[in-house]
PDB file of N, CA and C in Angstrom:
ATOM      1  N   MET A   1      43.711 -11.863 -22.681  1.00  0.00           N
ATOM      2  CA  MET A   1      43.817 -12.871 -21.712  1.00  0.00           C
ATOM      3  C   MET A   1      43.887 -12.382 -20.328  1.00  0.00           C
ATOM      4  N   PHE A   2      44.771 -11.544 -19.889  1.00  0.00           N
ATOM      5  CA  PHE A   2      45.060 -10.805 -18.727  1.00  0.00           C
ATOM      6  C   PHE A   2      43.879  -9.966 -18.367  1.00  0.00           C
ATOM      7  N   GLY A   3      43.203  -9.308 -19.298  1.00  0.00           N
ATOM      8  CA  GLY A   3      41.969  -8.556 -18.947  1.00  0.00           C
ATOM      9  C   GLY A   3      40.792  -9.264 -18.566  1.00  0.00           C
ATOM     10  N   ASP A   4      40.692 -10.626 -19.156  1.00  0.00           N
ATOM     11  CA  ASP A   4      39.759 -11.315 -18.718  1.00  0.00           C
ATOM     12  C   ASP A   4      39.989 -11.977 -17.351  1.00  0.00           C
ATOM     13  N   LEU A   5      41.013 -12.181 -16.922  1.00  0.00           N
ATOM     14  CA  LEU A   5      41.394 -12.555 -15.719  1.00  0.00           C
ATOM     15  C   LEU A   5      41.282 -11.461 -14.600  1.00  0.00           C
ATOM     16  N   PHE A   6      41.789 -10.275 -14.876  1.00  0.00           N
ATOM     17  CA  PHE A   6      41.569  -9.157 -14.120  1.00  0.00           C
ATOM     18  C   PHE A   6      40.138  -8.884 -13.856  1.00  0.00           C
ATOM     19  N   GLY A   7      39.342  -9.049 -14.886  1.00  0.00           N
ATOM     20  CA  GLY A   7      37.894  -8.832 -14.648  1.00  0.00           C
ATOM     21  C   GLY A   7      37.282  -9.909 -13.783  1.00  0.00           C
ATOM     22  N   LYS A   8      37.738 -11.229 -13.898  1.00  0.00           N
ATOM     23  CA  LYS A   8      37.243 -12.238 -13.029  1.00  0.00           C
ATOM     24  C   LYS A   8      37.670 -11.867 -11.457  1.00  0.00           C
ATOM     25  N   LEU A   9      38.937 -11.430 -11.291  1.00  0.00           N
ATOM     26  CA  LEU A   9      39.369 -11.122 -10.007  1.00  0.00           C
ATOM     27  C   LEU A   9      38.516  -9.951  -9.332  1.00  0.00           C
ATOM     28  N   GLN A  10      38.361  -8.991 -10.155  1.00  0.00           N
ATOM     29  CA  GLN A  10      37.331  -8.003  -9.646  1.00  0.00           C
ATOM     30  C   GLN A  10      36.263  -8.288  -9.413  1.00  0.00           C
ATOM     31  N   GLU A  11      35.566  -9.297 -10.133  1.00  0.00           N
ATOM     32  CA  GLU A  11      34.169  -9.686 -10.024  1.00  0.00           C
ATOM     33  C   GLU A  11      34.198 -10.559  -8.604  1.00  0.00           C
ATOM     34  N   ALA A  12      35.247 -11.448  -8.449  1.00  0.00           N
ATOM     35  CA  ALA A  12      35.476 -12.258  -7.211  1.00  0.00           C
ATOM     36  C   ALA A  12      35.529 -11.235  -5.971  1.00  0.00           C
ATOM     37  N   GLN A  13      36.321 -10.318  -6.039  1.00  0.00           N
ATOM     38  CA  GLN A  13      36.346  -9.319  -4.886  1.00  0.00           C
ATOM     39  C   GLN A  13      34.958  -8.879  -4.697  1.00  0.00           C
ATOM     40  N   SER A  14      34.352  -8.301  -5.576  1.00  0.00           N
ATOM     41  CA  SER A  14      33.078  -7.627  -5.510  1.00  0.00           C
ATOM     42  C   SER A  14      32.256  -8.818  -4.959  1.00  0.00           C
ATOM     43  N   LYS A  15      32.032  -9.936  -5.242  1.00  0.00           N
ATOM     44  CA  LYS A  15      31.225 -11.032  -4.763  1.00  0.00           C
ATOM     45  C   LYS A  15      31.615 -11.451  -3.274  1.00  0.00           C
ATOM     46  N   MET A  16      32.993 -11.386  -2.831  1.00  0.00           N
ATOM     47  CA  MET A  16      33.330 -11.466  -1.554  1.00  0.00           C
ATOM     48  C   MET A  16      32.668 -10.508  -0.717  1.00  0.00           C
ATOM     49  N   LYS A  17      32.832  -9.100  -1.038  1.00  0.00           N
ATOM     50  CA  LYS A  17      32.429  -7.996  -0.329  1.00  0.00           C
ATOM     51  C   LYS A  17      30.804  -8.144  -0.016  1.00  0.00           C
ATOM     52  N   GLU A  18      30.099  -8.524  -1.107  1.00  0.00           N
ATOM     53  CA  GLU A  18      28.688  -8.811  -1.051  1.00  0.00           C
ATOM     54  C   GLU A  18      28.346  -9.939   0.055  1.00  0.00           C
ATOM     55  N   SER A  19      29.189 -10.945  -0.105  1.00  0.00           N
ATOM     56  CA  SER A  19      28.965 -12.181   0.708  1.00  0.00           C
ATOM     57  C   SER A  19      29.190 -11.692   2.185  1.00  0.00           C
ATOM     58  N   LYS A  20      30.303 -10.922   2.591  1.00  0.00           N
ATOM     59  CA  LYS A  20      30.559 -10.608   3.620  1.00  0.00           C
ATOM     60  C   LYS A  20      29.362  -9.630   4.361  1.00  0.00           C
ATOM     61  N   GLU A  21      28.832  -9.004   3.578  1.00  0.00           N
ATOM     62  CA  GLU A  21      27.739  -8.048   3.985  1.00  0.00           C
ATOM     63  C   GLU A  21      26.538  -9.074   4.231  1.00  0.00           C
ATOM     64  N   ARG A  22      26.101  -9.863   3.513  1.00  0.00           N
ATOM     65  CA  ARG A  22      25.085 -10.817   3.729  1.00  0.00           C
ATOM     66  C   ARG A  22      25.305 -11.669   5.048  1.00  0.00           C
ATOM     67  N   LEU A  23      26.557 -12.227   5.318  1.00  0.00           N
ATOM     68  CA  LEU A  23      26.915 -13.048   6.448  1.00  0.00           C
ATOM     69  C   LEU A  23      26.801 -12.064   7.654  1.00  0.00           C
ATOM     70  N   SER A  24      27.076 -10.807   7.411  1.00  0.00           N
ATOM     71  CA  SER A  24      26.785  -9.895   8.722  1.00  0.00           C
ATOM     72  C   SER A  24      25.345  -9.784   9.087  1.00  0.00           C
ATOM     73  N   HIS A  25      24.558 -10.192   8.326  1.00  0.00           N
ATOM     74  CA  HIS A  25      23.087 -10.075   8.759  1.00  0.00           C
ATOM     75  C   HIS A  25      22.575 -11.527   8.980  1.00  0.00           C
ATOM     76  N   ILE A  26      23.271 -12.470   8.877  1.00  0.00           N
ATOM     77  CA  ILE A  26      22.911 -13.990   9.163  1.00  0.00           C
ATOM     78  C   ILE A  26      23.224 -14.084  10.536  1.00  0.00           C
ATOM     79  N   THR A  27      22.373 -14.654  11.411  1.00  0.00           N
ATOM     80  CA  THR A  27      22.744 -15.116  12.784  1.00  0.00           C
ATOM     81  C   THR A  27      22.506 -16.492  13.024  1.00  0.00           C
ATOM     82  N   VAL A  28      23.466 -17.100  13.701  1.00  0.00           N
ATOM     83  CA  VAL A  28      23.372 -18.560  14.208  1.00  0.00           C
ATOM     84  C   VAL A  28      23.508 -18.526  15.701  1.00  0.00           C
ATOM     85  N   ASP A  29      23.149 -19.623  16.135  1.00  0.00           N
ATOM     86  CA  ASP A  29      23.367 -19.780  17.659  1.00  0.00           C
ATOM     87  C   ASP A  29      23.894 -21.060  18.063  1.00  0.00           C
ATOM     88  N   GLY A  30      24.245 -21.118  19.259  1.00  0.00           N
ATOM     89  CA  GLY A  30      24.806 -22.330  19.869  1.00  0.00           C
ATOM     90  C   GLY A  30      24.386 -22.369  21.428  1.00  0.00           C
ATOM     91  N   GLU A  31      24.031 -23.499  21.870  1.00  0.00           N
ATOM     92  CA  GLU A  31      23.625 -23.535  23.286  1.00  0.00           C
ATOM     93  C   GLU A  31      24.323 -24.608  23.861  1.00  0.00           C
ATOM     94  N   ALA A  32      24.269 -24.535  25.309  1.00  0.00           N
ATOM     95  CA  ALA A  32      24.702 -25.705  26.164  1.00  0.00           C
ATOM     96  C   ALA A  32      24.046 -25.693  27.485  1.00  0.00           C
ATOM     97  N   GLY A  33      24.098 -26.932  28.143  1.00  0.00           N
ATOM     98  CA  GLY A  33      23.326 -27.011  29.204  1.00  0.00           C
ATOM     99  C   GLY A  33      21.778 -26.832  29.202  1.00  0.00           C
ATOM    100  N   ASP A  34      21.310 -27.509  28.077  1.00  0.00           N
ATOM    101  CA  ASP A  34      20.016 -27.632  27.925  1.00  0.00           C
ATOM    102  C   ASP A  34      19.399 -26.127  27.756  1.00  0.00           C
ATOM    103  N   GLY A  35      20.240 -25.303  27.164  1.00  0.00           N
ATOM    104  CA  GLY A  35      19.577 -24.138  27.031  1.00  0.00           C
ATOM    105  C   GLY A  35      20.037 -22.947  28.004  1.00  0.00           C
ATOM    106  N   ALA A  36      20.872 -23.395  28.981  1.00  0.00           N
ATOM    107  CA  ALA A  36      21.154 -22.524  30.229  1.00  0.00           C
ATOM    108  C   ALA A  36      22.070 -21.384  29.651  1.00  0.00           C
ATOM    109  N   VAL A  37      22.970 -21.623  28.615  1.00  0.00           N
ATOM    110  CA  VAL A  37      23.706 -20.762  28.016  1.00  0.00           C
ATOM    111  C   VAL A  37      23.310 -20.635  26.625  1.00  0.00           C
ATOM    112  N   LYS A  38      23.144 -19.520  26.081  1.00  0.00           N
ATOM    113  CA  LYS A  38      22.678 -19.357  24.658  1.00  0.00           C
ATOM    114  C   LYS A  38      23.662 -18.200  24.023  1.00  0.00           C
ATOM    115  N   VAL A  39      24.332 -18.526  22.919  1.00  0.00           N
ATOM    116  CA  VAL A  39      25.148 -17.508  22.107  1.00  0.00           C
ATOM    117  C   VAL A  39      24.750 -17.299  20.757  1.00  0.00           C
ATOM    118  N   VAL A  40      24.675 -16.160  20.206  1.00  0.00           N
ATOM    119  CA  VAL A  40      24.424 -15.812  19.040  1.00  0.00           C
ATOM    120  C   VAL A  40      25.551 -14.956  18.330  1.00  0.00           C
ATOM    121  N   VAL A  41      25.779 -15.470  17.305  1.00  0.00           N
ATOM    122  CA  VAL A  41      26.845 -14.921  16.361  1.00  0.00           C
ATOM    123  C   VAL A  41      26.449 -14.667  15.016  1.00  0.00           C
ATOM    124  N   THR A  42      27.106 -13.801  14.400  1.00  0.00           N
ATOM    125  CA  THR A  42      26.723 -13.580  12.820  1.00  0.00           C
ATOM    126  C   THR A  42      27.633 -14.591  11.982  1.00  0.00           C
ATOM    127  N   GLY A  43      27.143 -14.674  10.865  1.00  0.00           N
ATOM    128  CA  GLY A  43      27.966 -15.655   9.904  1.00  0.00           C
ATOM    129  C   GLY A  43      29.439 -15.016   9.686  1.00  0.00           C
ATOM    130  N   ASN A  44      29.827 -13.832  10.056  1.00  0.00           N
ATOM    131  CA  ASN A  44      31.113 -13.493   9.969  1.00  0.00           C
ATOM    132  C   ASN A  44      31.936 -13.823  11.356  1.00  0.00           C
ATOM    133  N   ARG A  45      31.349 -14.502  12.197  1.00  0.00           N
ATOM    134  CA  ARG A  45      31.854 -15.054  13.544  1.00  0.00           C
ATOM    135  C   ARG A  45      31.876 -13.936  14.527  1.00  0.00           C
ATOM    136  N   GLU A  46      31.014 -12.979  14.455  1.00  0.00           N
ATOM    137  CA  GLU A  46      30.954 -11.749  15.407  1.00  0.00           C
ATOM    138  C   GLU A  46      30.089 -12.163  16.659  1.00  0.00           C
ATOM    139  N   VAL A  47      30.340 -12.146  17.790  1.00  0.00           N
ATOM    140  CA  VAL A  47      29.329 -12.489  18.913  1.00  0.00           C
ATOM    141  C   VAL A  47      28.592 -11.249  19.103  1.00  0.00           C
ATOM    142  N   LYS A  48      27.212 -11.707  18.974  1.00  0.00           N
ATOM    143  CA  LYS A  48      26.115 -10.659  19.219  1.00  0.00           C
ATOM    144  C   LYS A  48      25.430 -10.599  20.407  1.00  0.00           C
ATOM    145  N   SER A  49      25.501 -11.763  21.050  1.00  0.00           N
ATOM    146  CA  SER A  49      24.716 -11.833  22.337  1.00  0.00           C
ATOM    147  C   SER A  49      24.946 -13.133  23.055  1.00  0.00           C
ATOM    148  N   ILE A  50      25.018 -13.061  24.638  1.00  0.00           N
ATOM    149  CA  ILE A  50      25.105 -14.289  25.410  1.00  0.00           C
ATOM    150  C   ILE A  50      24.216 -13.918  26.420  1.00  0.00           C
ATOM    151  N   ASP A  51      23.312 -15.260  26.393  1.00  0.00           N
ATOM    152  CA  ASP A  51      22.255 -15.209  27.437  1.00  0.00           C
ATOM    153  C   ASP A  51      22.726 -16.379  28.600  1.00  0.00           C
ATOM    154  N   VAL A  52      22.698 -15.916  29.852  1.00  0.00           N
ATOM    155  CA  VAL A  52      22.946 -16.946  30.917  1.00  0.00           C
ATOM    156  C   VAL A  52      21.863 -17.065  31.765  1.00  0.00           C
ATOM    157  N   ALA A  53      21.431 -18.362  32.029  1.00  0.00           N
ATOM    158  CA  ALA A  53      20.395 -18.496  33.041  1.00  0.00           C
ATOM    159  C   ALA A  53      20.862 -18.058  34.506  1.00  0.00           C
ATOM    160  N   GLU A  54      19.859 -17.542  35.269  1.00  0.00           N
ATOM    161  CA  GLU A  54      20.197 -16.736  36.569  1.00  0.00           C
ATOM    162  C   GLU A  54      20.996 -17.827  37.579  1.00  0.00           C
ATOM    163  N   HIS A  55      20.625 -19.032  37.543  1.00  0.00           N
ATOM    164  CA  HIS A  55      21.332 -20.006  38.430  1.00  0.00           C
ATOM    165  C   HIS A  55      22.715 -20.155  38.307  1.00  0.00           C
ATOM    166  N   LEU A  56      23.104 -20.007  37.128  1.00  0.00           N
ATOM    167  CA  LEU A  56      24.576 -20.127  36.754  1.00  0.00           C
ATOM    168  C   LEU A  56      25.570 -19.005  37.146  1.00  0.00           C
ATOM    169  N   LEU A  57      24.633 -17.690  37.560  1.00  0.00           N
ATOM    170  CA  LEU A  57      25.435 -16.526  37.940  1.00  0.00           C
ATOM    171  C   LEU A  57      25.765 -16.679  39.506  1.00  0.00           C
ATOM    172  N   GLU A  58      25.401 -17.792  40.218  1.00  0.00           N
ATOM    173  CA  GLU A  58      25.767 -17.837  41.699  1.00  0.00           C
ATOM    174  C   GLU A  58      27.141 -18.255  41.660  1.00  0.00           C
ATOM    175  N   LYS A  59      27.932 -17.957  42.828  1.00  0.00           N
ATOM    176  CA  LYS A  59      29.361 -18.080  42.984  1.00  0.00           C
ATOM    177  C   LYS A  59      29.766 -19.457  42.921  1.00  0.00           C
ATOM    178  N   ASP A  60      28.881 -20.528  43.437  1.00  0.00           N
ATOM    179  CA  ASP A  60      29.160 -21.885  43.406  1.00  0.00           C
ATOM    180  C   ASP A  60      29.173 -22.474  41.911  1.00  0.00           C
ATOM    181  N   ASN A  61      28.625 -21.852  41.016  1.00  0.00           N
ATOM    182  CA  ASN A  61      28.581 -22.225  39.590  1.00  0.00           C
ATOM    183  C   ASN A  61      29.683 -21.765  38.608  1.00  0.00           C
ATOM    184  N   LYS A  62      30.572 -21.035  39.172  1.00  0.00           N
ATOM    185  CA  LYS A  62      31.703 -20.297  38.226  1.00  0.00           C
ATOM    186  C   LYS A  62      32.180 -21.367  37.160  1.00  0.00           C
ATOM    187  N   GLU A  63      32.767 -22.708  37.714  1.00  0.00           N
ATOM    188  CA  GLU A  63      33.237 -23.297  36.569  1.00  0.00           C
ATOM    189  C   GLU A  63      32.284 -23.875  35.715  1.00  0.00           C
ATOM    190  N   GLU A  64      31.089 -24.342  36.184  1.00  0.00           N
ATOM    191  CA  GLU A  64      30.044 -24.779  35.336  1.00  0.00           C
ATOM    192  C   GLU A  64      29.753 -23.731  34.182  1.00  0.00           C
ATOM    193  N   LEU A  65      29.511 -22.812  34.644  1.00  0.00           N
ATOM    194  CA  LEU A  65      29.384 -21.402  33.576  1.00  0.00           C
ATOM    195  C   LEU A  65      30.469 -21.157  32.619  1.00  0.00           C
ATOM    196  N   GLU A  66      31.554 -21.320  33.024  1.00  0.00           N
ATOM    197  CA  GLU A  66      32.797 -21.184  32.179  1.00  0.00           C
ATOM    198  C   GLU A  66      32.750 -22.269  31.222  1.00  0.00           C
ATOM    199  N   ASP A  67      32.644 -23.538  31.649  1.00  0.00           N
ATOM    200  CA  ASP A  67      32.493 -24.776  30.900  1.00  0.00           C
ATOM    201  C   ASP A  67      31.296 -24.406  29.661  1.00  0.00           C
ATOM    202  N   LEU A  68      30.229 -24.007  30.291  1.00  0.00           N
ATOM    203  CA  LEU A  68      29.021 -23.948  29.273  1.00  0.00           C
ATOM    204  C   LEU A  68      29.047 -22.869  28.237  1.00  0.00           C
ATOM    205  N   LEU A  69      29.883 -21.878  28.664  1.00  0.00           N
ATOM    206  CA  LEU A  69      30.101 -20.657  27.842  1.00  0.00           C
ATOM    207  C   LEU A  69      31.106 -21.300  26.638  1.00  0.00           C
ATOM    208  N   ILE A  70      32.138 -21.776  27.013  1.00  0.00           N
ATOM    209  CA  ILE A  70      33.062 -22.458  25.931  1.00  0.00           C
ATOM    210  C   ILE A  70      32.331 -23.182  24.975  1.00  0.00           C
ATOM    211  N   THR A  71      31.457 -24.211  25.623  1.00  0.00           N
ATOM    212  CA  THR A  71      30.789 -25.078  24.820  1.00  0.00           C
ATOM    213  C   THR A  71      29.735 -24.447  23.835  1.00  0.00           C
ATOM    214  N   ALA A  72      28.881 -23.376  24.359  1.00  0.00           N
ATOM    215  CA  ALA A  72      27.856 -22.690  23.496  1.00  0.00           C
ATOM    216  C   ALA A  72      28.640 -21.750  22.387  1.00  0.00           C
ATOM    217  N   LEU A  73      29.801 -21.109  22.827  1.00  0.00           N
ATOM    218  CA  LEU A  73      30.664 -20.328  21.833  1.00  0.00           C
ATOM    219  C   LEU A  73      31.074 -21.147  20.874  1.00  0.00           C
ATOM    220  N   ASN A  74      31.751 -22.459  21.050  1.00  0.00           N
ATOM    221  CA  ASN A  74      32.166 -23.198  20.309  1.00  0.00           C
ATOM    222  C   ASN A  74      31.249 -23.755  19.273  1.00  0.00           C
ATOM    223  N   ARG A  75      30.027 -24.058  19.766  1.00  0.00           N
ATOM    224  CA  ARG A  75      28.765 -24.573  18.863  1.00  0.00           C
ATOM    225  C   ARG A  75      28.357 -23.365  17.877  1.00  0.00           C
ATOM    226  N   ALA A  76      28.220 -22.205  18.636  1.00  0.00           N
ATOM    227  CA  ALA A  76      27.854 -21.072  17.718  1.00  0.00           C
ATOM    228  C   ALA A  76      28.810 -20.705  16.395  1.00  0.00           C
ATOM    229  N   LEU A  77      30.101 -20.836  17.028  1.00  0.00           N
ATOM    230  CA  LEU A  77      31.044 -20.476  15.856  1.00  0.00           C
ATOM    231  C   LEU A  77      31.215 -21.580  15.013  1.00  0.00           C
ATOM    232  N   LYS A  78      30.888 -22.983  15.198  1.00  0.00           N
ATOM    233  CA  LYS A  78      31.093 -23.847  14.186  1.00  0.00           C
ATOM    234  C   LYS A  78      29.824 -23.628  13.226  1.00  0.00           C
ATOM    235  N   ASN A  79      28.678 -23.190  13.724  1.00  0.00           N
ATOM    236  CA  ASN A  79      27.617 -22.990  12.746  1.00  0.00           C
ATOM    237  C   ASN A  79      27.822 -21.784  12.039  1.00  0.00           C
ATOM    238  N   ALA A  80      28.433 -20.720  12.487  1.00  0.00           N
ATOM    239  CA  ALA A  80      28.751 -19.711  11.726  1.00  0.00           C
ATOM    240  C   ALA A  80      29.861 -19.953  10.653  1.00  0.00           C
ATOM    241  N   GLU A  81      30.727 -20.868  10.960  1.00  0.00           N
ATOM    242  CA  GLU A  81      31.771 -21.238   9.798  1.00  0.00           C
ATOM    243  C   GLU A  81      30.923 -22.008   9.004  1.00  0.00           C
ATOM    244  N   ASN A  82      29.973 -22.954   9.180  1.00  0.00           N
ATOM    245  CA  ASN A  82      29.276 -23.759   8.287  1.00  0.00           C
ATOM    246  C   ASN A  82      28.530 -22.760   7.238  1.00  0.00           C
ATOM    247  N   ALA A  83      27.893 -21.518   7.900  1.00  0.00           N
ATOM    248  CA  ALA A  83      27.191 -20.567   7.038  1.00  0.00           C
ATOM    249  C   ALA A  83      28.147 -19.933   6.184  1.00  0.00           C
ATOM    250  N   TRP A  84      29.375 -19.535   6.581  1.00  0.00           N
ATOM    251  CA  TRP A  84      30.608 -18.879   5.771  1.00  0.00           C
ATOM    252  C   TRP A  84      30.867 -19.832   4.720  1.00  0.00           C
ATOM    253  N   GLU A  85      31.057 -21.193   5.042  1.00  0.00           N
ATOM    254  CA  GLU A  85      31.465 -22.020   3.958  1.00  0.00           C
ATOM    255  C   GLU A  85      30.476 -22.385   2.821  1.00  0.00           C
ATOM    256  N   SER A  86      29.169 -22.205   3.094  1.00  0.00           N
ATOM    257  CA  SER A  86      28.190 -22.127   2.270  1.00  0.00           C
ATOM    258  C   SER A  86      28.157 -21.000   1.275  1.00  0.00           C
ATOM    259  N   GLU A  87      28.244 -19.920   1.903  1.00  0.00           N
ATOM    260  CA  GLU A  87      28.330 -18.812   1.041  1.00  0.00           C
ATOM    261  C   GLU A  87      29.511 -18.692   0.259  1.00  0.00           C
ATOM    262  N   MET A  88      30.812 -19.043   0.610  1.00  0.00           N
ATOM    263  CA  MET A  88      32.056 -19.244  -0.248  1.00  0.00           C
ATOM    264  C   MET A  88      31.912 -20.193  -1.339  1.00  0.00           C
ATOM    265  N   LYS A  89      31.151 -21.340  -1.063  1.00  0.00           N
ATOM    266  CA  LYS A  89      30.975 -22.256  -2.122  1.00  0.00           C
ATOM    267  C   LYS A  89      29.893 -21.697  -3.163  1.00  0.00           C
ATOM    268  N   GLY A  90      29.029 -20.973  -2.881  1.00  0.00           N
ATOM    269  CA  GLY A  90      28.259 -20.383  -3.925  1.00  0.00           C
ATOM    270  C   GLY A  90      29.097 -19.284  -4.869  1.00  0.00           C
ATOM    271  N   ILE A  91      29.840 -18.557  -4.249  1.00  0.00           N
ATOM    272  CA  ILE A  91      30.805 -17.940  -4.867  1.00  0.00           C
ATOM    273  C   ILE A  91      31.820 -18.627  -5.734  1.00  0.00           C
ATOM    274  N   ALA A  92      32.369 -19.595  -5.264  1.00  0.00           N
ATOM    275  CA  ALA A  92      33.394 -20.613  -5.951  1.00  0.00           C
ATOM    276  C   ALA A  92      32.583 -21.148  -7.087  1.00  0.00           C
ATOM    277  N   GLY A  93      31.344 -21.691  -6.820  1.00  0.00           N
ATOM    278  CA  GLY A  93      30.620 -22.327  -8.033  1.00  0.00           C
ATOM    279  C   GLY A  93      30.291 -21.342  -9.226  1.00  0.00           C
ATOM    280  N   GLY A  94      29.824 -19.928  -8.591  1.00  0.00           N
ATOM    281  CA  GLY A  94      29.634 -18.961  -9.833  1.00  0.00           C
ATOM    282  C   GLY A  94      30.601 -18.620 -10.567  1.00  0.00           C
ATOM    283  N   MET A  95      31.843 -18.471 -10.010  1.00  0.00           N
ATOM    284  CA  MET A  95      33.118 -17.963 -10.678  1.00  0.00           C
ATOM    285  C   MET A  95      33.730 -19.291 -11.551  1.00  0.00           C
ATOM    286  N   LEU A  96      33.597 -20.396 -11.042  1.00  0.00           N
ATOM    287  CA  LEU A  96      34.354 -21.591 -11.802  1.00  0.00           C
ATOM    288  C   LEU A  96      33.399 -22.220 -12.862  1.00  0.00           C
ATOM    289  N   GLY A  97      32.002 -21.848 -12.812  1.00  0.00           N
ATOM    290  CA  GLY A  97      30.948 -22.551 -13.585  1.00  0.00           C
ATOM    291  C   GLY A  97      30.839 -24.198 -13.278  1.00  0.00           C
ATOM    292  N   PRO A  98      31.124 -24.965 -14.032  1.00  0.00           N
ATOM    293  CA  PRO A  98      30.840 -26.414 -13.710  1.00  0.00           C
ATOM    294  C   PRO A  98      31.879 -27.018 -12.894  1.00  0.00           C
ATOM    295  N   LEU A  99      33.013 -26.310 -12.675  1.00  0.00           N
ATOM    296  CA  LEU A  99      34.074 -26.739 -11.911  1.00  0.00           C
ATOM    297  C   LEU A  99      33.702 -26.597 -10.310  1.00  0.00           C
ATOM    298  N   GLY A 100      32.876 -25.480 -10.306  1.00  0.00           N
ATOM    299  CA  GLY A 100      32.527 -25.009  -8.855  1.00  0.00           C
ATOM    300  C   GLY A 100      31.942 -26.034  -7.928  1.00  0.00           C
ATOM    301  N   GLY A 101      31.452 -27.137  -8.630  1.00  0.00           N
ATOM    302  CA  GLY A 101      30.854 -28.168  -7.831  1.00  0.00           C
ATOM    303  C   GLY A 101      31.906 -29.101  -7.111  1.00  0.00           C
ATOM    304  N   LEU A 102      33.055 -28.976  -7.608  1.00  0.00           N
ATOM    305  CA  LEU A 102      34.158 -29.615  -7.024  1.00  0.00           C
ATOM    306  C   LEU A 102      34.630 -29.406  -5.807  1.00  0.00           C
ATOM    307  N   PHE A 103      34.216 -28.191  -5.185  1.00  0.00           N
ATOM    308  CA  PHE A 103      34.632 -27.614  -3.971  1.00  0.00           C
ATOM    309  C   PHE A 103      33.615 -27.508  -2.962  1.00  0.00           C
TER     310      PHE A 103
END
C-alpha cells in the first residue's frame, strides 16, 4: 500500500519537474495602451521582456508609463497563471484518473 503511494508521489514529483520545464519554454504576453507597452513572461511567471513605445519615455509621460506597465505586467502574469493552471490540471488528471476531471 505505502509502496504504491510512494511510487505515485515520485511520479507526481517527476511530472511536476517536467511541467516546470515545459512552462519555462512557454511565453505569454500582456499589453496596455493599445500596444504601447508589451510584456512577455514565461509560464513560470518570469518576465522575459518589456517593450515600451518611444513616446512614453518622455518626462511628462512618467505616470502614464507606470500605469501601463502595471496593467501590462498584470495581464501577462494572469496569462501565465492560466497556462500554469492548465499544465497542473493535466498532471492532476493523469495522477487521479477519472477523478482528475473534478479539478
